[in-house]
Protein backbone atom coordinates (compact mmCIF):
# COMPACT_ATOMS: atom_id res chain seq x y z
CA UNK A 1 0.00 0.07 -0.05
CA UNK A 2 1.67 3.48 -0.78
CA UNK A 3 1.91 6.19 1.44
CA UNK A 4 -1.09 8.22 -0.13
CA UNK A 5 -3.22 5.38 0.23
CA UNK A 6 -2.43 4.82 3.93
CA UNK A 7 -2.94 8.49 4.66
CA UNK A 8 -6.53 8.71 3.17
CA UNK A 9 -7.40 5.67 5.43
CA UNK A 10 -6.11 7.37 8.71
CA UNK A 11 -7.97 10.74 7.71
CA UNK A 12 -11.08 8.81 7.30
CA UNK A 13 -10.85 7.10 10.33
CA UNK A 14 -9.92 9.97 12.91
CA UNK A 15 -13.48 11.68 13.39
CA UNK A 16 -15.42 8.71 14.15
CA UNK A 17 -12.72 7.53 16.69
CA UNK A 18 -12.57 10.86 18.66
CA UNK A 19 -16.58 10.73 18.42
CA UNK A 20 -16.43 7.51 20.22
CA UNK A 21 -14.11 8.62 23.13
CA UNK A 22 -15.90 11.56 23.78
CA UNK A 23 -19.18 9.60 24.09
CA UNK A 24 -17.38 6.86 26.51
CA UNK A 25 -15.84 9.64 28.66
CA UNK A 26 -19.25 11.39 29.07
CA UNK A 27 -20.92 8.28 29.93
CA UNK A 28 -18.27 7.15 32.64
CA UNK A 29 -18.65 10.77 33.93
CA UNK A 30 -22.54 10.27 34.22
CA UNK A 31 -22.20 7.05 36.05
CA UNK A 32 -19.72 8.37 38.56
CA UNK A 33 -21.43 11.32 39.07
CA UNK A 34 -24.44 9.33 39.52
CA UNK A 35 -22.62 7.10 42.08
CA UNK A 36 -21.26 10.13 44.13
CA UNK A 37 -24.57 11.99 44.03
CA UNK A 38 -26.11 8.98 45.34
CA UNK A 39 -23.98 8.65 48.31
CA UNK A 40 -23.63 12.18 49.06
CA UNK A 41 -27.64 11.98 49.06
CA UNK A 42 -27.72 8.94 51.36
CA UNK A 43 -25.15 10.72 53.52
CA UNK A 44 -27.08 13.55 53.73
CA UNK A 45 -30.42 11.65 54.66
CA UNK A 46 -28.74 9.69 57.51
CA UNK A 47 -27.33 12.90 59.20
CA UNK A 48 -30.85 14.50 58.86
CA UNK A 49 -32.52 11.03 60.31
CA UNK A 50 -29.70 10.68 63.01
CA UNK A 51 -30.16 14.61 64.04
CA UNK A 52 -33.89 13.96 64.46
CA UNK A 53 -33.36 10.69 66.42
CA UNK A 54 -33.16 11.19 70.46
CA UNK A 55 -31.79 8.44 73.15
CA UNK A 56 -34.97 7.11 74.94
CA UNK A 57 -35.65 8.75 78.47
CA UNK A 58 -34.24 6.72 81.41
CA UNK A 59 -36.31 6.31 84.46
CA UNK A 60 -34.75 7.50 87.89
CA UNK A 61 -36.16 8.62 91.06
CA UNK A 62 -35.54 12.49 92.21
CA UNK A 63 -36.15 14.49 95.04
CA UNK A 64 -36.21 18.16 95.63
CA UNK A 65 -33.27 19.84 97.48
CA UNK A 66 -34.55 21.53 100.53
CA UNK A 67 -33.06 22.89 103.90
CA UNK A 68 -33.07 21.16 106.95
CA UNK A 69 -32.22 22.17 110.53
CA UNK A 70 -29.63 20.07 111.77
CA UNK A 71 -28.57 19.91 115.29
CA UNK A 72 -24.71 19.22 115.26
CA UNK A 73 -24.09 15.97 117.74
CA UNK A 74 -21.16 13.80 118.44
CA UNK A 75 -21.92 10.20 118.12
CA UNK A 76 -20.61 7.37 119.78
CA UNK A 77 -21.14 3.85 121.08
CA UNK A 78 -21.01 2.35 124.63
CA UNK A 79 -21.75 -0.42 127.16
CA UNK A 80 -24.35 -0.02 129.91
CA UNK A 81 -23.22 -0.90 133.67
CA UNK A 82 -25.13 -1.09 136.75
CA UNK A 83 -24.57 1.92 139.19
CA UNK A 84 -24.01 -0.69 141.38
CA UNK A 85 -23.46 -4.38 140.58
CA UNK A 86 -21.68 -7.58 142.13
CA UNK A 87 -21.45 -11.16 141.57
CA UNK A 88 -21.82 -12.20 145.36
CA UNK A 89 -19.99 -15.07 147.00
CA UNK A 90 -18.52 -15.80 150.24
CA UNK A 91 -15.06 -15.68 151.64
CA UNK A 92 -15.56 -19.07 153.73
CA UNK A 93 -16.27 -22.60 152.38
CA UNK A 94 -18.78 -24.73 153.58
CA UNK A 95 -22.18 -26.48 152.94
CA UNK A 96 -25.67 -24.29 152.23
CA UNK A 97 -27.90 -24.86 154.89
CA UNK A 98 -30.35 -22.32 153.97
CA UNK A 99 -31.15 -20.01 150.89
CA UNK A 100 -33.68 -17.00 151.55
CA UNK A 101 -34.20 -15.65 148.22
CA UNK A 102 -35.43 -16.70 144.74
CA UNK A 103 -34.30 -15.86 141.34
CA UNK A 104 -35.42 -12.34 139.98
CA UNK A 105 -36.42 -11.30 143.46
CA UNK A 106 -35.91 -7.38 144.37
CA UNK A 107 -34.09 -7.14 147.93
CA UNK A 108 -33.18 -4.55 150.39
CA UNK A 109 -29.84 -3.55 151.52
CA UNK A 110 -28.48 -6.16 154.37
CA UNK A 111 -31.38 -8.62 153.58
CA UNK A 112 -30.35 -12.24 154.49
CA UNK A 113 -29.65 -14.31 151.29
CA UNK A 114 -27.98 -17.33 152.13
CA UNK A 115 -26.50 -19.17 155.29
CA UNK A 116 -23.78 -21.93 155.22
CA UNK A 117 -23.99 -24.87 158.00
CA UNK A 118 -22.46 -23.23 161.27
CA UNK A 119 -22.77 -25.33 164.07
CA UNK A 120 -19.46 -25.73 165.31
CA UNK A 121 -18.61 -21.98 164.60
CA UNK A 122 -21.90 -21.22 166.76
CA UNK A 123 -20.81 -23.66 169.64
CA UNK A 124 -17.05 -22.38 169.74
CA UNK A 125 -18.63 -18.71 169.78
CA UNK A 126 -20.79 -19.92 172.89
CA UNK A 127 -17.82 -21.41 174.61
CA UNK A 128 -15.61 -18.16 173.98
CA UNK A 129 -18.41 -15.84 175.25
CA UNK A 130 -18.87 -18.06 178.27
CA UNK A 131 -15.08 -17.29 179.10
CA UNK A 132 -15.62 -13.46 178.35
CA UNK A 133 -18.21 -13.51 180.93
CA UNK A 134 -16.22 -15.25 183.44
CA UNK A 135 -13.52 -12.72 182.69
CA UNK A 136 -15.82 -9.63 183.36
CA UNK A 137 -17.07 -11.49 186.62
CA UNK A 138 -13.44 -11.79 187.71
CA UNK A 139 -12.55 -8.20 186.56
CA UNK A 140 -15.49 -6.98 188.34
CA UNK A 141 -14.62 -8.85 191.68
CA UNK A 142 -11.21 -7.95 191.90
CA UNK A 143 -11.84 -4.40 191.06
CA UNK A 144 -14.01 -4.08 194.47
CA UNK A 145 -11.39 -6.43 196.41
CA UNK A 146 -8.51 -3.74 194.84
CA UNK A 147 -10.71 -0.66 196.47
CA UNK A 148 -10.24 -2.22 199.76
CA UNK A 149 -6.58 -3.27 199.25
CA UNK A 150 -7.63 -7.00 199.33
CA UNK A 151 -5.73 -7.70 195.91
CA UNK A 152 -2.87 -6.04 193.99
CA UNK A 153 -2.45 -3.87 191.05
CA UNK A 154 -0.88 -6.66 189.40
CA UNK A 155 -3.68 -8.81 189.73
CA UNK A 156 -6.04 -6.41 188.64
CA UNK A 157 -4.08 -5.46 185.44
CA UNK A 158 -4.02 -9.19 184.43
CA UNK A 159 -7.82 -9.50 184.76
CA UNK A 160 -8.24 -6.55 182.70
CA UNK A 161 -5.86 -8.13 180.09
CA UNK A 162 -7.77 -11.62 180.30
CA UNK A 163 -10.86 -9.63 179.82
CA UNK A 164 -9.81 -7.90 176.64
CA UNK A 165 -8.24 -11.11 175.38
CA UNK A 166 -11.70 -12.89 175.82
CA UNK A 167 -13.49 -10.19 174.15
CA UNK A 168 -11.15 -10.32 171.27
CA UNK A 169 -11.48 -13.92 170.76
CA UNK A 170 -15.40 -13.74 170.81
CA UNK A 171 -15.20 -10.76 168.29
CA UNK A 172 -13.06 -13.02 166.28
CA UNK A 173 -15.10 -16.09 166.15
CA UNK A 174 -18.39 -13.91 165.88
CA UNK A 175 -16.83 -12.37 162.38
CA UNK A 176 -15.80 -16.25 161.48
CA UNK A 177 -19.85 -16.88 161.86
CA UNK A 178 -21.04 -13.67 159.84
CA UNK A 179 -18.87 -14.44 157.27
CA UNK A 180 -21.13 -17.90 156.74
CA UNK A 181 -24.15 -15.69 156.00
CA UNK A 182 -24.45 -14.21 152.80
CA UNK A 183 -26.24 -10.47 153.14
CA UNK A 184 -27.01 -8.16 150.32
CA UNK A 185 -24.68 -5.25 150.11
CA UNK A 186 -27.07 -3.02 148.54
CA UNK A 187 -30.70 -2.82 147.48
CA UNK A 188 -31.17 -4.27 144.07
CA UNK A 189 -32.38 -6.93 141.27
CA UNK A 190 -31.23 -10.30 141.85
CA UNK A 191 -30.28 -12.74 139.00
CA UNK A 192 -30.68 -16.39 138.60
CA UNK A 193 -29.45 -18.50 141.57
CA UNK A 194 -26.31 -20.53 140.84
CA UNK A 195 -26.34 -22.67 143.86
CA UNK A 196 -28.71 -25.33 145.43
CA UNK A 197 -29.25 -26.41 149.17
CA UNK A 198 -26.90 -28.90 150.47
CA UNK A 199 -24.23 -27.98 148.13
CA UNK A 200 -20.65 -27.44 149.46
CA UNK A 201 -19.43 -24.22 148.24
CA UNK A 202 -15.74 -23.40 147.95
CA UNK A 203 -14.51 -19.75 148.84
CA UNK A 204 -15.35 -17.35 146.06
CA UNK A 205 -17.98 -19.33 144.35
CA UNK A 206 -20.50 -16.90 142.56
CA UNK A 207 -23.79 -17.63 144.43
CA UNK A 208 -26.04 -14.99 142.53
CA UNK A 209 -25.67 -11.76 140.74
CA UNK A 210 -27.04 -8.45 142.42
CA UNK A 211 -27.82 -5.24 140.07
CA UNK A 212 -29.05 -2.01 140.99
CA UNK A 213 -30.92 -0.94 137.66
CA UNK A 214 -32.29 2.55 138.47
CA UNK A 215 -30.43 4.86 137.39
CA UNK A 216 -27.72 2.93 135.10
CA UNK A 217 -24.73 3.86 133.68
CA UNK A 218 -23.55 4.21 130.03
CA UNK A 219 -19.67 4.27 129.63
CA UNK A 220 -18.63 5.33 126.13
CA UNK A 221 -15.74 7.06 124.34
CA UNK A 222 -15.37 10.36 121.99
CA UNK A 223 -12.35 11.71 120.44
CA UNK A 224 -10.15 13.81 122.33
CA UNK A 225 -10.89 16.81 119.60
CA UNK A 226 -14.52 16.56 121.11
CA UNK A 227 -13.60 17.32 124.48
CA UNK A 228 -14.32 20.81 124.66
CA UNK A 229 -17.68 20.41 123.31
CA UNK A 230 -18.62 18.23 126.76
CA UNK A 231 -19.66 19.62 130.02
CA UNK A 232 -21.03 17.94 132.80
CA UNK A 233 -24.75 17.65 132.89
CA UNK A 234 -25.02 17.92 128.96
CA UNK A 235 -27.93 16.03 127.69
CA UNK A 236 -27.67 12.83 125.74
CA UNK A 237 -29.94 10.55 123.95
CA UNK A 238 -29.53 6.86 123.91
CA UNK A 239 -30.77 4.07 121.83
CA UNK A 240 -30.30 0.18 121.98
CA UNK A 241 -31.45 -2.14 119.34
CA UNK A 242 -33.74 -4.28 121.97
CA UNK A 243 -36.34 -1.04 121.74
CA UNK A 244 -35.64 0.15 118.33
CA UNK A 245 -38.73 2.70 118.56
CA UNK A 246 -37.75 4.10 121.73
CA UNK A 247 -35.04 6.71 123.02
CA UNK A 248 -33.82 6.91 126.79
CA UNK A 249 -32.85 10.29 127.92
CA UNK A 250 -29.67 10.93 129.86
CA UNK A 251 -27.06 13.44 131.52
CA UNK A 252 -23.04 13.41 131.26
CA UNK A 253 -22.23 12.51 135.09
CA UNK A 254 -18.34 12.45 134.67
CA UNK A 255 -15.38 12.82 131.95
CA UNK A 256 -12.03 10.82 132.74
CA UNK A 257 -9.35 13.45 133.17
CA UNK A 258 -7.11 10.96 131.31
CA UNK A 259 -6.81 10.31 127.68
CA UNK A 260 -6.06 6.56 126.31
CA UNK A 261 -2.79 6.87 124.81
CA UNK A 262 -3.69 3.87 122.61
CA UNK A 263 -6.80 5.49 120.78
CA UNK A 264 -6.42 8.87 121.73
CA UNK A 265 -10.09 8.83 123.01
CA UNK A 266 -11.33 9.83 126.53
CA UNK A 267 -13.71 8.00 128.72
CA UNK A 268 -17.13 9.58 129.44
CA UNK A 269 -19.84 8.40 131.57
CA UNK A 270 -23.85 9.17 131.30
CA UNK A 271 -26.38 8.62 133.92
CA UNK A 272 -29.68 7.31 132.71
CA UNK A 273 -33.10 6.77 134.38
CA UNK A 274 -34.36 3.39 134.27
CA UNK A 275 -37.46 2.87 136.27
CA UNK A 276 -39.24 0.05 133.82
CA UNK A 277 -35.63 -1.79 133.96
CA UNK A 278 -35.57 -1.95 130.24
CA UNK A 279 -31.89 -1.29 130.10
CA UNK A 280 -29.53 -3.99 131.42
CA UNK A 281 -25.88 -3.93 132.15
CA UNK A 282 -23.83 -5.32 129.35
CA UNK A 283 -26.04 -3.60 126.63
CA UNK A 284 -24.52 -2.40 123.44
CA UNK A 285 -25.73 1.20 122.91
CA UNK A 286 -25.53 4.08 120.84
CA UNK A 287 -25.51 7.73 122.21
CA UNK A 288 -25.65 11.27 120.66
CA UNK A 289 -24.67 14.04 122.46
CA UNK A 290 -26.16 17.67 121.03
CA UNK A 291 -23.62 20.28 120.63
CA UNK A 292 -23.97 23.95 119.35
CA UNK A 293 -26.86 25.76 117.71
CA UNK A 294 -28.90 24.07 115.11
CA UNK A 295 -27.49 24.77 111.45
CA UNK A 296 -29.27 24.78 108.25
CA UNK A 297 -28.32 22.54 105.55
CA UNK A 298 -29.30 21.59 101.96
CA UNK A 299 -29.99 17.71 102.45
CA UNK A 300 -29.95 14.86 99.86
CA UNK A 301 -30.55 11.22 100.51
CA UNK A 302 -26.62 9.81 100.32
CA UNK A 303 -27.64 7.59 97.40
CA UNK A 304 -27.78 10.99 95.25
CA UNK A 305 -24.36 11.63 95.69
CA UNK A 306 -21.91 9.42 93.21
CA UNK A 307 -18.36 9.63 95.15
CA UNK A 308 -15.22 9.53 92.85
CA UNK A 309 -11.61 9.99 93.37
CA UNK A 310 -11.91 12.98 91.33
CA UNK A 311 -14.70 15.00 92.98
CA UNK A 312 -18.40 13.93 94.23
CA UNK A 313 -21.05 14.68 91.74
CA UNK A 314 -24.78 14.79 91.47
CA UNK A 315 -27.45 14.76 88.52
CA UNK A 316 -29.60 17.82 88.35
CA UNK A 317 -32.83 17.35 86.34
CA UNK A 318 -33.42 20.31 83.84
CA UNK A 319 -36.43 21.20 81.93
CA UNK A 320 -35.50 21.37 77.98
CA UNK A 321 -38.07 23.04 75.35
CA UNK A 322 -40.19 21.09 73.62
CA UNK A 323 -39.37 20.17 69.74
CA UNK A 324 -41.71 21.06 67.24
CA UNK A 325 -45.23 19.18 68.04
CA UNK A 326 -43.52 17.43 70.78
CA UNK A 327 -43.64 17.55 74.66
CA UNK A 328 -41.07 19.06 76.87
CA UNK A 329 -38.33 17.19 78.25
CA UNK A 330 -36.26 16.73 81.41
CA UNK A 331 -32.61 16.31 81.15
CA UNK A 332 -29.82 15.33 83.53
CA UNK A 333 -26.80 17.75 83.94
CA UNK A 334 -24.03 16.36 85.95
CA UNK A 335 -22.27 18.81 88.48
CA UNK A 336 -19.80 18.52 91.12
CA UNK A 337 -20.72 18.98 94.84
CA UNK A 338 -19.13 19.82 98.28
CA UNK A 339 -20.64 17.22 101.12
CA UNK A 340 -20.65 18.10 104.63
CA UNK A 341 -21.80 15.94 107.72
CA UNK A 342 -24.12 12.94 107.51
CA UNK A 343 -27.00 12.18 109.56
CA UNK A 344 -28.72 8.46 108.87
CA UNK A 345 -29.62 8.12 105.50
CA UNK A 346 -28.99 12.06 104.66
CA UNK A 347 -25.67 13.83 103.61
CA UNK A 348 -25.34 17.86 103.68
CA UNK A 349 -24.62 19.74 100.52
CA UNK A 350 -22.25 22.59 101.23
CA UNK A 351 -21.97 23.74 97.61
CA UNK A 352 -23.14 22.85 94.18
CA UNK A 353 -26.52 22.67 94.83
CA UNK A 354 -29.18 25.20 95.05
CA UNK A 355 -32.58 24.68 96.88
CA UNK A 356 -35.36 23.58 94.79
CA UNK A 357 -33.47 21.89 92.43
CA UNK A 358 -34.66 18.30 91.31
CA UNK A 359 -31.93 15.76 92.14
CA UNK A 360 -31.72 12.33 90.85
CA UNK A 361 -31.38 9.96 94.02
CA UNK A 362 -31.48 6.59 92.04
CA UNK A 363 -30.44 5.25 88.41
CA UNK A 364 -27.18 7.44 88.07
CA UNK A 365 -25.34 4.79 86.32
CA UNK A 366 -27.20 5.11 83.29
CA UNK A 367 -27.04 8.95 82.70
CA UNK A 368 -24.74 11.29 81.35
CA UNK A 369 -24.65 15.02 80.54
CA UNK A 370 -27.80 15.73 78.69
CA UNK A 371 -29.61 12.20 79.03
CA UNK A 372 -33.21 12.69 78.98
CA UNK A 373 -35.12 11.33 81.99
CA UNK A 374 -38.56 10.04 83.15
CA UNK A 375 -38.95 10.46 87.06
CA UNK A 376 -40.69 7.71 88.72
CA UNK A 377 -40.73 7.81 92.58
CA UNK A 378 -42.45 4.68 93.11
CA UNK A 379 -39.72 3.38 94.45
CA UNK A 380 -37.69 5.85 96.26
CA UNK A 381 -34.27 5.09 98.31
CA UNK A 382 -34.45 5.64 102.18
CA UNK A 383 -33.59 9.07 103.45
CA UNK A 384 -34.29 8.54 106.99
CA UNK A 385 -32.32 10.79 109.47
CA UNK A 386 -32.51 7.94 112.02
CA UNK A 387 -32.55 4.70 110.30
CA UNK A 388 -33.07 1.60 112.32
CA UNK A 389 -32.05 -1.93 111.11
CA UNK A 390 -34.68 -4.63 111.00
CA UNK A 391 -34.61 -7.36 113.60
CA UNK A 392 -33.20 -10.80 112.82
CA UNK A 393 -35.98 -13.18 112.54
């Protein structure tokens, strides 16, 4: 093929090939534009849909913050003990000959409770008393004789010495005999008898306990920092778990003048009236001592506080404007607080919460800033200033 023929063929193909390339590129551009446009529209629609969606409201319980008047107190625990109390026993051994009381009796001071067999000691006392009587007669007779110079001074001195010795032996034997009789050292309430008639008792064996129950002492400890807040005669309020719905009033009757170096606490004793004898020695009791003037605090249930190493927080419920055609919403807002003293289930909030604000008391674990909430107080946490544990069944 000649060069002229080849050039003519190339010249004939040029316009047709270029046209096809343009059409192909336009088609590719349309396809790609459609794909990218679809993706852009889809992303826009998804964004618009997500922006209109909201998290479902979380159900929580809440309370309104308000001021409460708190009486500052010093709280402690202690043990009750009788003003007078003793486990009675005898100094000497012997066989029980008579028992003059029943378990649980009230007895007066000096009442005879028990006697040991004492026939031998009583007989010996009679013998010594007879000797003492004879010495008295001898002395009186010689004294008359001495006045008329019938006996010497030495004889009279011997009579005096013999009389004193005889009386001393009588007193000694009487003391031995008295030790075999148990008497109530003070008026009080007897416990359960621990011996029986005819039983041999060794010296020091406990026979019965005797407790004076009204009034009664409560011994407890407070930190040394609180000493300047304690005064003799200061009122105290006492509770025991045996009578959970009842309080017992008393007053401080003694403050130990020495600090326990191992605990840096000081021992305090309060005296309580106990006419019903409900309080018994050995009982565990809690005591509250009122100090200073009442103070006003914003109080919340302790469950409302979320304690964290970086700070304590609460969730405040705020109102939110209603969207178009919707209902107003309530949302949770987290805020830091400064807490103060506690009282039972309650805690004082010194900073971070204003009076009248609605505070979440349960369900905080589900929340974050801006979470919508639904308040349901059908089951609310306890906020008792003086909670009482239920008795074990």
